[in-house]
Amino acid sequence: MKPINFVPGDIISVHQIIKEDSKTRIQVFEGTVLGIKGRGENKSFTVRKVVSNVAVERIWPVESPSIQKIDLKAKSKKKVRRAKLYYLRKSVK
């Protein structure tokens, strides 16, 4: 089991293995963690990033074999008082 060392509000980068034809490559998705749900092997997390004023969200299971590694880029600047940060969807920055 991969240890989860991030909480909602943190900025992480997820390195995912992408298979295209006979080649494999690593794609990096960097954004803010909106929430973590589930427990045990059913645990998943949601990451959101904004690319040219279009928001993109991805949901991954923690136990996904396609995730190579997860890097913690920055902790939240403020103290987060919610378990799910869905209110960030309304503010596109």
Protein backbone atom coordinates (compact mmCIF):
# COMPACT_ATOMS: atom_id res chain seq x y z
CA MET A 1 0.00 0.00 0.00
CA LYS A 2 1.30 3.43 -0.93
CA PRO A 3 1.41 5.76 2.07
CA ILE A 4 -0.70 8.87 1.76
CA ASN A 5 1.31 11.83 3.00
CA PHE A 6 -0.96 14.56 1.67
CA VAL A 7 -4.23 16.13 2.77
CA PRO A 8 -6.86 18.21 0.95
CA GLY A 9 -5.47 21.60 0.00
CA ASP A 10 -1.95 20.35 -0.74
CA ILE A 11 -0.39 20.69 -4.18
CA ILE A 12 0.85 17.35 -5.51
CA SER A 13 2.15 15.95 -8.76
CA VAL A 14 1.00 12.49 -9.84
CA HIS A 15 3.30 10.57 -12.18
CA GLN A 16 1.12 8.23 -14.22
CA ILE A 17 2.25 5.53 -16.66
CA ILE A 18 0.57 5.94 -20.06
CA LYS A 19 0.71 3.07 -22.59
CA GLU A 20 0.51 4.09 -26.25
CA ASP A 21 0.81 1.32 -28.84
CA SER A 22 4.12 -0.35 -27.98
CA LYS A 23 5.57 2.59 -26.03
CA THR A 24 5.08 3.66 -22.43
CA ARG A 25 5.66 7.12 -21.05
CA ILE A 26 5.21 9.04 -17.82
CA GLN A 27 2.63 11.82 -17.70
CA VAL A 28 2.73 14.28 -14.81
CA PHE A 29 -0.49 15.83 -13.48
CA GLU A 30 0.10 18.61 -10.96
CA GLY A 31 -2.70 20.26 -9.02
CA THR A 32 -4.55 20.79 -5.76
CA VAL A 33 -6.02 17.89 -3.82
CA LEU A 34 -9.79 18.45 -3.48
CA GLY A 35 -10.55 15.44 -1.35
CA ILE A 36 -9.74 11.91 -0.28
CA LYS A 37 -12.57 9.40 -0.02
CA GLY A 38 -12.88 5.77 0.97
CA ARG A 39 -10.66 3.66 3.14
CA GLY A 40 -8.43 0.69 2.77
CA GLU A 41 -8.03 -0.52 -0.79
CA ASN A 42 -11.06 1.55 -1.90
CA LYS A 43 -9.35 4.86 -1.10
CA SER A 44 -9.23 7.40 -3.93
CA PHE A 45 -8.27 11.04 -4.28
CA THR A 46 -9.28 13.94 -6.54
CA VAL A 47 -6.78 16.41 -7.99
CA ARG A 48 -7.75 19.63 -9.81
CA LYS A 49 -5.65 21.91 -11.98
CA VAL A 50 -6.46 24.90 -14.18
CA VAL A 51 -5.03 25.04 -17.71
CA SER A 52 -5.67 28.25 -19.67
CA ASN A 53 -8.88 29.03 -17.74
CA VAL A 54 -10.22 25.49 -18.13
CA ALA A 55 -10.35 23.36 -14.99
CA VAL A 56 -9.39 19.69 -15.21
CA GLU A 57 -10.09 17.16 -12.47
CA ARG A 58 -8.79 13.62 -12.24
CA ILE A 59 -9.70 10.90 -9.77
CA TRP A 60 -7.27 8.07 -9.00
CA PRO A 61 -7.49 5.06 -6.72
CA VAL A 62 -4.54 5.03 -4.32
CA GLU A 63 -3.82 1.40 -5.23
CA SER A 64 -3.77 2.09 -8.98
CA PRO A 65 -0.95 0.23 -10.77
CA SER A 66 -0.69 3.08 -13.30
CA ILE A 67 0.58 5.53 -10.65
CA GLN A 68 4.35 5.45 -10.52
CA LYS A 69 4.81 8.00 -7.74
CA ILE A 70 3.20 10.95 -6.00
CA ASP A 71 5.28 14.00 -5.10
CA LEU A 72 4.20 16.56 -2.53
CA LYS A 73 5.02 19.96 -4.02
CA ALA A 74 3.61 22.30 -1.36
CA LYS A 75 1.52 22.18 1.75
CA SER A 76 -1.57 24.34 1.99
CA LYS A 77 -0.79 27.96 2.78
CA LYS A 78 -3.78 28.25 5.09
CA LYS A 79 -5.20 25.81 7.59
CA VAL A 80 -7.82 23.75 5.78
CA ARG A 81 -10.97 23.23 7.82
CA ARG A 82 -12.87 21.02 5.39
CA ALA A 83 -12.46 17.42 4.28
CA LYS A 84 -13.65 18.14 0.74
CA LEU A 85 -12.71 21.40 -0.99
CA TYR A 86 -15.47 21.39 -3.58
CA TYR A 87 -15.97 25.14 -3.13
CA LEU A 88 -12.79 25.65 -5.19
CA ARG A 89 -14.78 24.60 -8.27
CA LYS A 90 -16.69 27.88 -8.23
CA SER A 91 -13.55 30.03 -8.36
CA VAL A 92 -11.61 29.51 -11.58
CA LYS A 93 -8.28 31.27 -11.22
